[in-house]
Amino acid sequence: MTNVLLGHSRGSSHDMGNGGWTFGCDESLKLIRYAAVRAHQQPITVMTCDHKRLVTGAHDHTLKVFSISDGSAMFTLHGHCGPITSVFVDGSLGALVDGGDVTVDMGVGAIIGSGSQDGMLCVWELVTGVCVYSVQAHDGIITTLTCTTSYILSLGGDEKLCVWERFQGHLLNTLQLTQMYCTSMVMLTNKLLITSRQGSLTVWDITSGIPVRVVRLGDRDDSVFIRHMMPVADTIICDYGNQLRVVKLPVAEKID
């Protein structure tokens, strides 16, 4: 089955100032389905992937890991006591060895992180599916998870952002984020986190818990909610009303 997703009717780009641009595109995107899998008995709530595996989470309190190459089931991950609300896959510590057409994944340090409606955070080995650790991270739902090579970050419905040590799950820092109307967050570097508020982006130092920069995307307009962000090199692409903004954030992180 082929689905065609149509974009904007015209192609254009406009400089909006403050490092922001808007883009339009008249090209279509064709999606070809080559496999269909009954993953869960209850609705799928989250999904993510890397270059080899697809991970799904559902209302049935489980996560499942599938091979992207053939759609076969690899693992079912049990450990949560509530519907899965967030998930990530990270193989940033894995070694990739390219040899012509063959890529070998050594799997060193590769993990899956998952959060559930009851506030439980679980971290799993990507290669084996073994649970490395689990912690009661929040009072209520975990809305967003992300990670770096050293940290795992969780954002909860209790308006707390928790910074965890990646390998053993020790709590390192807690940031109280009030008036968070959206749950997007991305890591710019290993220590700099970007969150969104009405009309602006905030850059945090997660080791100190201090905001180091606020980037306003409009002229004193705080009525626009920023709901989606995506990092691309040293820029952040985000929504702003009916526009996309590209915000350049050059950084030079100190190496201890």
Protein backbone atom coordinates (compact mmCIF):
# COMPACT_ATOMS: atom_id res chain seq x y z
CA MET A 1 0.00 0.00 0.00
CA THR A 2 1.26 3.47 -0.91
CA ASN A 3 0.19 6.65 0.86
CA VAL A 4 1.01 10.07 -0.54
CA LEU A 5 1.42 12.92 1.95
CA LEU A 6 1.06 16.34 0.37
CA GLY A 7 2.90 19.35 1.76
CA HIS A 8 2.41 23.05 1.11
CA SER A 9 0.98 24.09 -2.25
CA ARG A 10 3.92 26.43 -2.96
CA GLY A 11 7.62 26.37 -2.22
CA SER A 12 8.95 29.39 -0.34
CA SER A 13 11.19 30.58 2.48
CA HIS A 14 11.04 33.75 4.56
CA ASP A 15 13.44 35.26 7.06
CA MET A 16 11.44 36.09 10.20
CA GLY A 17 14.30 37.71 12.12
CA ASN A 18 15.69 36.57 15.48
CA GLY A 19 17.40 33.69 13.69
CA GLY A 20 14.05 32.28 12.52
CA TRP A 21 13.00 31.12 9.06
CA THR A 22 9.78 29.67 7.65
CA PHE A 23 9.73 27.12 4.83
CA GLY A 24 7.20 25.73 2.39
CA CYS A 25 7.47 22.79 0.00
CA ASP A 26 5.41 21.56 -2.97
CA GLU A 27 6.92 18.07 -3.12
CA SER A 28 4.96 14.96 -2.14
CA LEU A 29 6.18 12.11 0.05
CA LYS A 30 5.37 8.51 -0.85
CA LEU A 31 5.12 5.89 1.91
CA ILE A 32 5.17 2.22 0.95
CA ARG A 33 3.98 -0.34 3.51
CA TYR A 34 5.94 -3.57 3.38
CA ALA A 35 4.91 -5.15 6.70
CA ALA A 36 2.04 -5.10 9.19
CA VAL A 37 2.34 -6.53 12.70
CA ARG A 38 -0.22 -6.99 15.48
CA ALA A 39 1.96 -5.54 18.23
CA HIS A 40 -0.41 -5.16 21.20
CA GLN A 41 -3.91 -6.13 22.26
CA GLN A 42 -4.57 -2.58 23.47
CA PRO A 43 -3.90 0.78 21.77
CA ILE A 44 -0.29 1.74 21.05
CA THR A 45 0.56 4.96 22.87
CA VAL A 46 4.23 5.57 21.96
CA MET A 47 6.66 4.43 19.28
CA THR A 48 10.29 5.07 18.36
CA CYS A 49 13.13 3.36 16.48
CA ASP A 50 16.82 3.27 15.69
CA HIS A 51 18.47 1.92 12.53
CA LYS A 52 17.68 -1.72 13.41
CA ARG A 53 14.80 -1.87 15.89
CA LEU A 54 11.28 -0.53 16.36
CA VAL A 55 9.99 -0.07 19.93
CA THR A 56 6.31 0.30 20.80
CA GLY A 57 4.56 0.94 24.11
CA ALA A 58 0.88 0.51 24.83
CA HIS A 59 -2.01 0.71 27.27
CA ASP A 60 -1.30 -2.93 28.20
CA HIS A 61 1.71 -1.77 30.34
CA THR A 62 4.26 -3.46 28.05
CA LEU A 63 6.83 -2.47 25.46
CA LYS A 64 7.72 -4.57 22.45
CA VAL A 65 10.85 -4.53 20.34
CA PHE A 66 10.69 -5.50 16.65
CA SER A 67 13.28 -5.98 13.95
CA ILE A 68 12.93 -3.30 11.29
CA SER A 69 14.34 -5.57 8.59
CA ASP A 70 11.57 -8.19 8.73
CA GLY A 71 9.07 -7.03 11.38
CA SER A 72 9.75 -10.00 13.67
CA ALA A 73 9.25 -9.64 17.44
CA MET A 74 12.49 -9.60 19.43
CA PHE A 75 11.43 -8.84 23.04
CA THR A 76 8.45 -8.04 25.22
CA LEU A 77 9.45 -5.77 28.11
CA HIS A 78 7.52 -6.18 31.38
CA GLY A 79 8.03 -3.90 34.37
CA HIS A 80 5.53 -1.06 34.25
CA CYS A 81 2.27 -0.99 36.19
CA GLY A 82 0.55 1.61 34.03
CA PRO A 83 0.09 2.59 30.37
CA ILE A 84 3.34 3.55 28.63
CA THR A 85 3.50 7.30 28.03
CA SER A 86 7.05 7.95 26.78
CA VAL A 87 9.97 6.04 25.30
CA PHE A 88 13.38 6.59 23.75
CA VAL A 89 16.07 4.45 22.16
CA ASP A 90 19.68 5.52 22.49
CA GLY A 91 22.76 3.79 21.17
CA SER A 92 25.11 6.74 21.46
CA LEU A 93 27.67 4.62 23.33
CA GLY A 94 27.47 1.83 20.78
CA ALA A 95 30.31 1.26 18.33
CA LEU A 96 29.33 1.16 14.66
CA VAL A 97 31.79 -0.51 12.31
CA ASP A 98 31.18 0.05 8.60
CA GLY A 99 32.52 -2.47 6.17
CA GLY A 100 31.18 -1.83 2.71
CA ASP A 101 27.48 -2.69 2.76
CA VAL A 102 27.64 -4.25 6.23
CA THR A 103 27.19 -2.34 9.48
CA VAL A 104 27.99 -4.16 12.73
CA ASP A 105 26.34 -2.84 15.89
CA MET A 106 28.51 -3.71 18.89
CA GLY A 107 25.67 -2.64 21.20
CA VAL A 108 27.86 -1.20 23.96
CA GLY A 109 25.77 0.94 26.30
CA ALA A 110 22.70 1.01 24.06
CA ILE A 111 19.50 1.44 26.07
CA ILE A 112 15.75 1.85 25.91
CA GLY A 113 14.18 4.26 28.37
CA SER A 114 10.46 4.16 29.12
CA GLY A 115 8.04 6.03 31.34
CA SER A 116 4.49 5.26 32.36
CA GLN A 117 1.34 6.91 33.62
CA ASP A 118 2.11 5.97 37.22
CA GLY A 119 5.48 7.79 37.18
CA MET A 120 7.75 4.76 36.82
CA LEU A 121 10.97 5.11 34.81
CA CYS A 122 12.54 1.92 33.46
CA VAL A 123 15.84 1.54 31.62
CA TRP A 124 16.50 -1.57 29.51
CA GLU A 125 19.45 -3.02 27.64
CA LEU A 126 18.67 -2.60 23.96
CA VAL A 127 20.47 -5.75 22.83
CA THR A 128 19.14 -8.21 25.45
CA GLY A 129 15.92 -6.60 26.70
CA VAL A 130 17.06 -6.94 30.34
CA CYS A 131 15.84 -4.28 32.78
CA VAL A 132 18.90 -2.39 34.07
CA TYR A 133 16.98 -0.45 36.74
CA SER A 134 13.62 1.12 37.51
CA VAL A 135 12.79 4.11 39.71
CA GLN A 136 9.64 5.87 40.86
CA ALA A 137 10.52 9.10 39.08
CA HIS A 138 7.41 11.29 39.40
CA ASP A 139 4.13 11.69 41.24
CA GLY A 140 1.95 10.89 38.25
CA ILE A 141 2.50 10.65 34.53
CA ILE A 142 5.91 10.87 32.85
CA THR A 143 5.24 12.99 29.78
CA THR A 144 8.68 13.16 28.12
CA LEU A 145 12.04 11.39 28.26
CA THR A 146 15.37 12.21 26.67
CA CYS A 147 19.01 11.38 27.33
CA THR A 148 22.68 12.12 26.75
CA THR A 149 25.77 9.95 27.11
CA SER A 150 25.79 10.75 30.86
CA TYR A 151 22.22 11.60 31.87
CA ILE A 152 18.59 10.60 31.50
CA LEU A 153 16.00 13.36 31.85
CA SER A 154 12.35 12.88 32.71
CA LEU A 155 9.57 15.46 32.66
CA GLY A 156 6.44 14.71 34.65
CA GLY A 157 2.93 15.96 35.12
CA ASP A 158 4.06 17.12 38.57
CA GLU A 159 5.94 19.98 36.78
CA LYS A 160 9.30 18.52 37.78
CA LEU A 161 12.21 17.82 35.46
CA CYS A 162 14.49 15.18 36.96
CA VAL A 163 18.10 14.54 35.93
CA TRP A 164 19.24 10.93 36.48
CA GLU A 165 22.65 9.31 36.26
CA ARG A 166 22.42 7.19 33.12
CA PHE A 167 24.05 3.97 34.26
CA GLN A 168 22.64 3.36 37.77
CA GLY A 169 19.66 5.71 37.97
CA HIS A 170 20.78 7.99 40.80
CA LEU A 171 18.83 11.27 41.03
CA LEU A 172 21.29 14.13 40.42
CA ASN A 173 19.10 17.21 40.11
CA THR A 174 15.46 18.32 40.11
CA LEU A 175 14.21 21.40 38.27
CA GLN A 176 10.81 22.85 39.15
CA LEU A 177 9.23 24.00 35.89
CA THR A 178 6.02 25.94 36.40
CA GLN A 179 3.58 26.99 33.69
CA MET A 180 4.82 24.31 31.31
CA TYR A 181 2.03 24.22 28.75
CA CYS A 182 3.89 21.87 26.42
CA THR A 183 6.19 18.91 26.99
CA SER A 184 8.80 19.24 24.24
CA MET A 185 12.44 19.17 25.30
CA VAL A 186 15.69 18.39 23.49
CA MET A 187 19.34 18.18 24.48
CA LEU A 188 21.56 20.68 22.66
CA THR A 189 24.75 19.30 24.23
CA ASN A 190 25.54 16.83 27.00
CA LYS A 191 24.67 19.50 29.61
CA LEU A 192 22.43 22.04 27.85
CA LEU A 193 18.70 21.34 27.66
CA ILE A 194 16.11 23.27 25.66
CA THR A 195 12.50 23.50 26.81
CA SER A 196 9.66 25.50 25.31
CA ARG A 197 7.22 27.94 26.84
CA GLN A 198 4.68 30.31 25.38
CA GLY A 199 6.44 32.28 22.67
CA SER A 200 10.00 31.34 23.65
CA LEU A 201 12.66 28.67 24.09
CA THR A 202 14.66 28.31 27.31
CA VAL A 203 18.20 26.90 27.47
CA TRP A 204 19.07 25.22 30.81
CA ASP A 205 22.30 24.01 32.34
CA ILE A 206 21.06 20.72 33.80
CA THR A 207 24.04 20.37 36.14
CA SER A 208 23.27 23.63 37.94
CA GLY A 209 19.54 23.85 37.22
CA ILE A 210 19.93 27.44 36.03
CA PRO A 211 18.42 28.86 32.80
CA VAL A 212 21.30 30.33 30.78
CA ARG A 213 19.36 31.83 27.87
CA VAL A 214 15.82 32.67 26.76
CA VAL A 215 15.09 32.96 23.02
CA ARG A 216 11.88 34.79 22.14
CA LEU A 217 10.39 33.78 18.80
CA GLY A 218 7.94 36.67 18.44
CA ASP A 219 7.63 40.36 19.19
CA ARG A 220 6.36 40.30 22.78
CA ASP A 221 3.76 37.69 21.80
CA ASP A 222 3.43 35.04 24.51
CA SER A 223 0.14 33.63 23.22
CA VAL A 224 1.72 31.11 20.81
CA PHE A 225 2.37 27.63 22.20
CA ILE A 226 5.50 25.84 20.99
CA ARG A 227 4.62 22.15 21.00
CA HIS A 228 7.26 20.44 18.86
CA MET A 229 11.04 20.79 18.63
CA MET A 230 13.70 18.90 16.70
CA PRO A 231 17.49 19.37 16.92
CA VAL A 232 19.51 19.51 13.71
CA ALA A 233 23.24 20.11 14.34
CA ASP A 234 23.46 23.42 16.24
CA THR A 235 19.94 24.54 15.30
CA ILE A 236 16.46 23.86 16.66
CA ILE A 237 13.47 23.48 14.35
CA CYS A 238 10.19 24.21 16.11
CA ASP A 239 6.59 25.11 15.37
CA TYR A 240 5.34 28.64 15.97
CA GLY A 241 1.65 28.96 15.22
CA ASN A 242 1.25 27.91 11.57
CA GLN A 243 4.96 28.38 10.86
CA LEU A 244 8.19 26.45 11.29
CA ARG A 245 11.10 28.35 12.83
CA VAL A 246 14.77 27.44 12.54
CA VAL A 247 16.70 28.85 15.51
CA LYS A 248 20.49 28.78 15.43
CA LEU A 249 22.04 28.21 18.85
CA PRO A 250 25.83 28.03 18.53
CA VAL A 251 27.43 26.72 21.70
CA ALA A 252 30.92 26.04 22.96
CA GLU A 253 30.73 23.65 25.90
CA LYS A 254 33.58 23.57 28.38
CA ILE A 255 35.34 20.23 28.63
CA ASP A 256 36.41 19.34 32.17
